[in-house]
Amino acid sequence: MKEGLVYVVGILQFVLETASVICVLIGFVKTVYVGIRSRQEFVINTEVKLTFGRWLAMALEFQLAADILNTTVDPDIEGLIKLFGIALIRTFLNYFLTKEIEMQAKPEEGSGLPSVSAEK
C-alpha cells in the first residue's frame, strides 16, 4: 500500500513541478508580449512587472505543493527541516511578490497629481 502511495505522490509531484515550469514559461511569453505591445519595443513598466509577478506567484504555489507532497512520503527529520526552510523562503518570496503586485496595481494615491477621469 505504501508503494502505491509513493507512486501516486511521485506522479502528483511531477505534475505540480511541470505546472510550475509551465507557469514560468507562459508568464515569460505573456510578459514579452505585453512589453512589446506597450510601446512597440520591449519596455519594462508596471504592466509588464505585474504580468510576470502574477505568474511567478502561481509557480511558487505549485512548487511548494510539490515539496509538501514529497515530504509526506519520506518524513524524516532532515526532510522536514529542508521543507521548513524551503516553505519559509517561498512563503516570504510569495508574500513580498504579492505585496509588490498590490502596490503596483494601485494608482498612485497622495502623489499630488490630478487623477485622470473618463468624464468630459
N, C-alpha and C. Protein backbone atom coordinates (compact mmCIF):
# COMPACT_ATOMS: atom_id res chain seq x y z
N MET A 1 0.83 -1.20 0.00
CA MET A 1 0.00 0.00 0.00
C MET A 1 0.87 1.25 0.00
N LYS A 2 1.97 1.24 0.79
CA LYS A 2 2.85 2.40 0.83
C LYS A 2 3.50 2.64 -0.54
N GLU A 3 3.83 1.56 -1.23
CA GLU A 3 4.43 1.71 -2.56
C GLU A 3 3.47 2.41 -3.51
N GLY A 4 2.19 2.10 -3.40
CA GLY A 4 1.18 2.75 -4.23
C GLY A 4 1.08 4.24 -3.94
N LEU A 5 1.13 4.58 -2.65
CA LEU A 5 1.09 5.99 -2.25
C LEU A 5 2.32 6.72 -2.76
N VAL A 6 3.48 6.10 -2.62
CA VAL A 6 4.72 6.71 -3.09
C VAL A 6 4.64 6.94 -4.60
N TYR A 7 4.08 5.97 -5.33
CA TYR A 7 3.94 6.10 -6.78
C TYR A 7 3.01 7.26 -7.14
N VAL A 8 1.85 7.34 -6.49
CA VAL A 8 0.89 8.41 -6.76
C VAL A 8 1.48 9.77 -6.40
N VAL A 9 2.14 9.86 -5.27
CA VAL A 9 2.75 11.12 -4.85
C VAL A 9 3.84 11.53 -5.84
N GLY A 10 4.59 10.56 -6.33
CA GLY A 10 5.62 10.86 -7.33
C GLY A 10 5.02 11.45 -8.59
N ILE A 11 3.91 10.88 -9.03
CA ILE A 11 3.22 11.41 -10.22
C ILE A 11 2.69 12.81 -9.95
N LEU A 12 2.03 12.99 -8.80
CA LEU A 12 1.50 14.31 -8.47
C LEU A 12 2.61 15.35 -8.34
N GLN A 13 3.71 14.96 -7.74
CA GLN A 13 4.84 15.88 -7.61
C GLN A 13 5.35 16.29 -8.99
N PHE A 14 5.48 15.34 -9.89
CA PHE A 14 5.92 15.64 -11.25
C PHE A 14 4.93 16.58 -11.95
N VAL A 15 3.63 16.34 -11.78
CA VAL A 15 2.61 17.18 -12.39
C VAL A 15 2.70 18.61 -11.84
N LEU A 16 2.84 18.74 -10.53
CA LEU A 16 2.93 20.07 -9.92
C LEU A 16 4.19 20.82 -10.34
N GLU A 17 5.31 20.12 -10.40
CA GLU A 17 6.54 20.76 -10.84
C GLU A 17 6.47 21.16 -12.31
N THR A 18 5.82 20.32 -13.12
CA THR A 18 5.61 20.65 -14.52
C THR A 18 4.71 21.87 -14.66
N ALA A 19 3.64 21.93 -13.85
CA ALA A 19 2.75 23.08 -13.87
C ALA A 19 3.51 24.35 -13.50
N SER A 20 4.43 24.24 -12.56
CA SER A 20 5.24 25.39 -12.16
C SER A 20 6.10 25.88 -13.33
N VAL A 21 6.75 24.97 -14.01
CA VAL A 21 7.57 25.34 -15.15
C VAL A 21 6.71 25.96 -16.25
N ILE A 22 5.54 25.40 -16.48
CA ILE A 22 4.63 25.93 -17.50
C ILE A 22 4.19 27.34 -17.12
N CYS A 23 3.93 27.58 -15.84
CA CYS A 23 3.54 28.92 -15.39
C CYS A 23 4.65 29.94 -15.69
N VAL A 24 5.89 29.56 -15.40
CA VAL A 24 7.00 30.47 -15.67
C VAL A 24 7.13 30.71 -17.17
N LEU A 25 6.99 29.67 -17.97
CA LEU A 25 7.09 29.80 -19.42
C LEU A 25 5.98 30.69 -19.98
N ILE A 26 4.74 30.43 -19.57
CA ILE A 26 3.61 31.25 -20.03
C ILE A 26 3.78 32.68 -19.56
N GLY A 27 4.19 32.85 -18.30
CA GLY A 27 4.42 34.19 -17.77
C GLY A 27 5.48 34.93 -18.56
N PHE A 28 6.55 34.25 -18.94
CA PHE A 28 7.61 34.87 -19.72
C PHE A 28 7.09 35.30 -21.09
N VAL A 29 6.38 34.40 -21.76
CA VAL A 29 5.85 34.72 -23.09
C VAL A 29 4.87 35.88 -23.02
N LYS A 30 3.95 35.84 -22.05
CA LYS A 30 2.98 36.93 -21.92
C LYS A 30 3.66 38.25 -21.55
N THR A 31 4.69 38.18 -20.72
CA THR A 31 5.40 39.38 -20.33
C THR A 31 6.11 40.01 -21.52
N VAL A 32 6.75 39.20 -22.33
CA VAL A 32 7.40 39.72 -23.53
C VAL A 32 6.36 40.34 -24.46
N TYR A 33 5.22 39.66 -24.63
CA TYR A 33 4.15 40.18 -25.48
C TYR A 33 3.64 41.53 -24.97
N VAL A 34 3.36 41.60 -23.67
CA VAL A 34 2.87 42.85 -23.07
C VAL A 34 3.92 43.95 -23.20
N GLY A 35 5.18 43.61 -22.99
CA GLY A 35 6.25 44.60 -23.11
C GLY A 35 6.39 45.14 -24.52
N ILE A 36 6.30 44.27 -25.49
CA ILE A 36 6.41 44.70 -26.88
C ILE A 36 5.16 45.49 -27.29
N ARG A 37 4.00 45.02 -26.90
CA ARG A 37 2.74 45.67 -27.27
C ARG A 37 2.61 47.06 -26.63
N SER A 38 3.21 47.24 -25.47
CA SER A 38 3.03 48.51 -24.76
C SER A 38 3.61 49.70 -25.50
N ARG A 39 4.71 49.53 -26.20
CA ARG A 39 5.31 50.67 -26.89
C ARG A 39 6.00 50.28 -28.20
N GLN A 40 5.65 49.18 -28.75
CA GLN A 40 6.26 48.67 -29.97
C GLN A 40 7.75 48.35 -29.79
N GLU A 41 8.21 48.35 -28.59
CA GLU A 41 9.55 47.90 -28.23
C GLU A 41 9.44 47.40 -26.80
N PHE A 42 10.37 46.56 -26.41
CA PHE A 42 10.24 45.99 -25.07
C PHE A 42 10.64 47.02 -24.02
N VAL A 43 9.66 47.40 -23.21
CA VAL A 43 9.87 48.37 -22.15
C VAL A 43 9.35 47.75 -20.85
N ILE A 44 10.16 47.80 -19.79
CA ILE A 44 9.70 47.27 -18.51
C ILE A 44 8.93 48.37 -17.80
N ASN A 45 7.64 48.17 -17.69
CA ASN A 45 6.79 49.12 -16.98
C ASN A 45 5.95 48.35 -15.96
N THR A 46 5.04 49.04 -15.33
CA THR A 46 4.23 48.42 -14.27
C THR A 46 3.44 47.23 -14.79
N GLU A 47 2.83 47.38 -15.96
CA GLU A 47 2.01 46.28 -16.51
C GLU A 47 2.86 45.04 -16.78
N VAL A 48 4.06 45.25 -17.27
CA VAL A 48 4.96 44.13 -17.55
C VAL A 48 5.35 43.42 -16.25
N LYS A 49 5.71 44.20 -15.24
CA LYS A 49 6.09 43.62 -13.95
C LYS A 49 4.93 42.87 -13.30
N LEU A 50 3.72 43.43 -13.40
CA LEU A 50 2.56 42.77 -12.81
C LEU A 50 2.25 41.46 -13.51
N THR A 51 2.37 41.46 -14.83
CA THR A 51 2.10 40.24 -15.60
C THR A 51 3.03 39.11 -15.16
N PHE A 52 4.32 39.39 -15.13
CA PHE A 52 5.27 38.34 -14.76
C PHE A 52 5.16 37.97 -13.28
N GLY A 53 4.94 38.96 -12.43
CA GLY A 53 4.82 38.70 -11.00
C GLY A 53 3.69 37.76 -10.65
N ARG A 54 2.56 37.92 -11.31
CA ARG A 54 1.41 37.04 -11.05
C ARG A 54 1.72 35.60 -11.44
N TRP A 55 2.38 35.42 -12.56
CA TRP A 55 2.72 34.07 -13.00
C TRP A 55 3.78 33.44 -12.09
N LEU A 56 4.73 34.25 -11.63
CA LEU A 56 5.74 33.72 -10.70
C LEU A 56 5.12 33.31 -9.37
N ALA A 57 4.16 34.09 -8.89
CA ALA A 57 3.48 33.74 -7.64
C ALA A 57 2.76 32.39 -7.78
N MET A 58 2.13 32.17 -8.92
CA MET A 58 1.44 30.89 -9.15
C MET A 58 2.45 29.75 -9.22
N ALA A 59 3.58 29.97 -9.87
CA ALA A 59 4.61 28.93 -9.96
C ALA A 59 5.15 28.57 -8.58
N LEU A 60 5.33 29.57 -7.72
CA LEU A 60 5.79 29.30 -6.35
C LEU A 60 4.80 28.44 -5.58
N GLU A 61 3.51 28.68 -5.78
CA GLU A 61 2.50 27.87 -5.10
C GLU A 61 2.58 26.41 -5.53
N PHE A 62 2.75 26.17 -6.83
CA PHE A 62 2.88 24.79 -7.33
C PHE A 62 4.13 24.12 -6.77
N GLN A 63 5.24 24.85 -6.71
CA GLN A 63 6.49 24.29 -6.18
C GLN A 63 6.36 23.92 -4.71
N LEU A 64 5.72 24.78 -3.94
CA LEU A 64 5.53 24.49 -2.52
C LEU A 64 4.67 23.25 -2.33
N ALA A 65 3.61 23.13 -3.11
CA ALA A 65 2.75 21.94 -3.02
C ALA A 65 3.53 20.67 -3.37
N ALA A 66 4.39 20.74 -4.37
CA ALA A 66 5.20 19.58 -4.74
C ALA A 66 6.15 19.20 -3.61
N ASP A 67 6.75 20.18 -2.97
CA ASP A 67 7.65 19.90 -1.84
C ASP A 67 6.91 19.28 -0.66
N ILE A 68 5.72 19.75 -0.40
CA ILE A 68 4.91 19.19 0.69
C ILE A 68 4.58 17.73 0.41
N LEU A 69 4.18 17.44 -0.82
CA LEU A 69 3.88 16.05 -1.18
C LEU A 69 5.11 15.16 -1.04
N ASN A 70 6.25 15.65 -1.46
CA ASN A 70 7.47 14.86 -1.35
C ASN A 70 7.78 14.51 0.09
N THR A 71 7.54 15.43 1.01
CA THR A 71 7.83 15.20 2.42
C THR A 71 6.82 14.23 3.04
N THR A 72 5.63 14.15 2.51
CA THR A 72 4.63 13.24 3.10
C THR A 72 5.01 11.78 2.96
N VAL A 73 5.76 11.43 1.91
CA VAL A 73 6.12 10.03 1.73
C VAL A 73 7.48 9.70 2.36
N ASP A 74 8.26 10.71 2.70
CA ASP A 74 9.57 10.47 3.31
C ASP A 74 9.78 11.47 4.45
N PRO A 75 9.02 11.28 5.56
CA PRO A 75 9.03 12.29 6.63
C PRO A 75 10.15 12.15 7.66
N ASP A 76 11.40 12.11 7.21
CA ASP A 76 12.49 12.09 8.19
C ASP A 76 12.78 13.51 8.65
N ILE A 77 13.52 13.65 9.73
CA ILE A 77 13.76 14.97 10.33
C ILE A 77 14.53 15.87 9.38
N GLU A 78 15.46 15.31 8.64
CA GLU A 78 16.23 16.11 7.68
C GLU A 78 15.32 16.65 6.57
N GLY A 79 14.42 15.79 6.09
CA GLY A 79 13.47 16.23 5.06
C GLY A 79 12.51 17.28 5.57
N LEU A 80 12.08 17.14 6.82
CA LEU A 80 11.17 18.13 7.41
C LEU A 80 11.86 19.48 7.60
N ILE A 81 13.12 19.46 8.03
CA ILE A 81 13.87 20.71 8.18
C ILE A 81 14.05 21.38 6.82
N LYS A 82 14.38 20.56 5.82
CA LYS A 82 14.54 21.09 4.47
C LYS A 82 13.22 21.69 3.97
N LEU A 83 12.11 20.99 4.19
CA LEU A 83 10.80 21.50 3.78
C LEU A 83 10.48 22.80 4.49
N PHE A 84 10.79 22.86 5.79
CA PHE A 84 10.53 24.09 6.54
C PHE A 84 11.30 25.26 5.94
N GLY A 85 12.57 25.05 5.64
CA GLY A 85 13.38 26.10 5.04
C GLY A 85 12.86 26.53 3.68
N ILE A 86 12.55 25.56 2.84
CA ILE A 86 12.02 25.86 1.52
C ILE A 86 10.68 26.58 1.63
N ALA A 87 9.81 26.07 2.49
CA ALA A 87 8.49 26.69 2.66
C ALA A 87 8.63 28.12 3.18
N LEU A 88 9.53 28.33 4.10
CA LEU A 88 9.74 29.66 4.65
C LEU A 88 10.24 30.64 3.58
N ILE A 89 11.22 30.21 2.83
CA ILE A 89 11.76 31.06 1.77
C ILE A 89 10.69 31.36 0.71
N ARG A 90 9.99 30.33 0.27
CA ARG A 90 8.97 30.53 -0.76
C ARG A 90 7.80 31.35 -0.25
N THR A 91 7.46 31.18 1.02
CA THR A 91 6.37 31.97 1.59
C THR A 91 6.76 33.45 1.63
N PHE A 92 7.99 33.73 2.06
CA PHE A 92 8.46 35.12 2.07
C PHE A 92 8.50 35.69 0.65
N LEU A 93 9.03 34.91 -0.29
CA LEU A 93 9.07 35.37 -1.67
C LEU A 93 7.67 35.68 -2.19
N ASN A 94 6.75 34.76 -1.93
CA ASN A 94 5.38 34.94 -2.40
C ASN A 94 4.72 36.13 -1.72
N TYR A 95 4.96 36.31 -0.42
CA TYR A 95 4.37 37.42 0.32
C TYR A 95 4.84 38.76 -0.25
N PHE A 96 6.15 38.90 -0.41
CA PHE A 96 6.67 40.17 -0.89
C PHE A 96 6.34 40.40 -2.36
N LEU A 97 6.28 39.33 -3.13
CA LEU A 97 5.87 39.45 -4.53
C LEU A 97 4.41 39.91 -4.62
N THR A 98 3.56 39.35 -3.78
CA THR A 98 2.16 39.75 -3.75
C THR A 98 2.02 41.20 -3.31
N LYS A 99 2.78 41.60 -2.30
CA LYS A 99 2.75 43.00 -1.85
C LYS A 99 3.18 43.94 -2.96
N GLU A 100 4.22 43.58 -3.68
CA GLU A 100 4.67 44.43 -4.78
C GLU A 100 3.62 44.50 -5.88
N ILE A 101 2.97 43.38 -6.17
CA ILE A 101 1.91 43.37 -7.18
C ILE A 101 0.77 44.29 -6.74
N GLU A 102 0.38 44.20 -5.48
CA GLU A 102 -0.69 45.05 -4.97
C GLU A 102 -0.31 46.52 -5.04
N MET A 103 0.94 46.84 -4.66
CA MET A 103 1.38 48.24 -4.70
C MET A 103 1.42 48.76 -6.12
N GLN A 104 1.87 47.95 -7.05
CA GLN A 104 1.96 48.38 -8.44
C GLN A 104 0.58 48.50 -9.08
N ALA A 105 -0.36 47.67 -8.63
CA ALA A 105 -1.69 47.67 -9.22
C ALA A 105 -2.52 48.87 -8.77
N LYS A 106 -2.25 49.39 -7.57
CA LYS A 106 -3.00 50.54 -7.07
C LYS A 106 -2.51 51.80 -7.75
N PRO A 107 -3.44 52.72 -8.05
CA PRO A 107 -2.99 54.00 -8.61
C PRO A 107 -2.23 54.78 -7.54
N GLU A 108 -1.38 55.65 -7.97
CA GLU A 108 -0.59 56.47 -7.06
C GLU A 108 -1.53 57.34 -6.23
N GLU A 109 -1.66 57.04 -4.95
CA GLU A 109 -2.52 57.82 -4.08
C GLU A 109 -1.67 58.84 -3.33
N GLY A 110 -2.18 60.03 -3.24
CA GLY A 110 -1.48 61.05 -2.49
C GLY A 110 -0.22 61.56 -3.16
N SER A 111 -0.13 61.38 -4.47
CA SER A 111 1.07 61.83 -5.16
C SER A 111 1.01 63.30 -5.52
N GLY A 112 -0.14 63.93 -5.28
CA GLY A 112 -0.27 65.34 -5.61
C GLY A 112 -0.64 65.58 -7.06
N LEU A 113 -0.70 64.52 -7.84
CA LEU A 113 -1.05 64.67 -9.24
C LEU A 113 -2.56 64.52 -9.40
N PRO A 114 -3.17 65.27 -10.30
CA PRO A 114 -4.60 65.11 -10.51
C PRO A 114 -4.89 63.77 -11.13
N SER A 115 -6.02 63.20 -10.75
CA SER A 115 -6.39 61.91 -11.32
C SER A 115 -7.02 62.13 -12.68
N VAL A 116 -6.83 61.19 -13.56
CA VAL A 116 -7.40 61.27 -14.90
C VAL A 116 -8.79 60.68 -14.85
N SER A 117 -9.76 61.41 -15.36
CA SER A 117 -11.13 60.96 -15.34
C SER A 117 -11.63 60.75 -16.75
N ALA A 118 -12.51 59.76 -16.94
CA ALA A 118 -13.06 59.49 -18.25
C ALA A 118 -14.19 60.46 -18.58
N GLU A 119 -14.68 61.19 -17.58
CA GLU A 119 -15.77 62.11 -17.81
C GLU A 119 -15.27 63.37 -18.49
N LYS A 120 -16.12 63.95 -19.35
CA LYS A 120 -15.74 65.18 -20.03
C LYS A 120 -16.73 66.26 -19.74
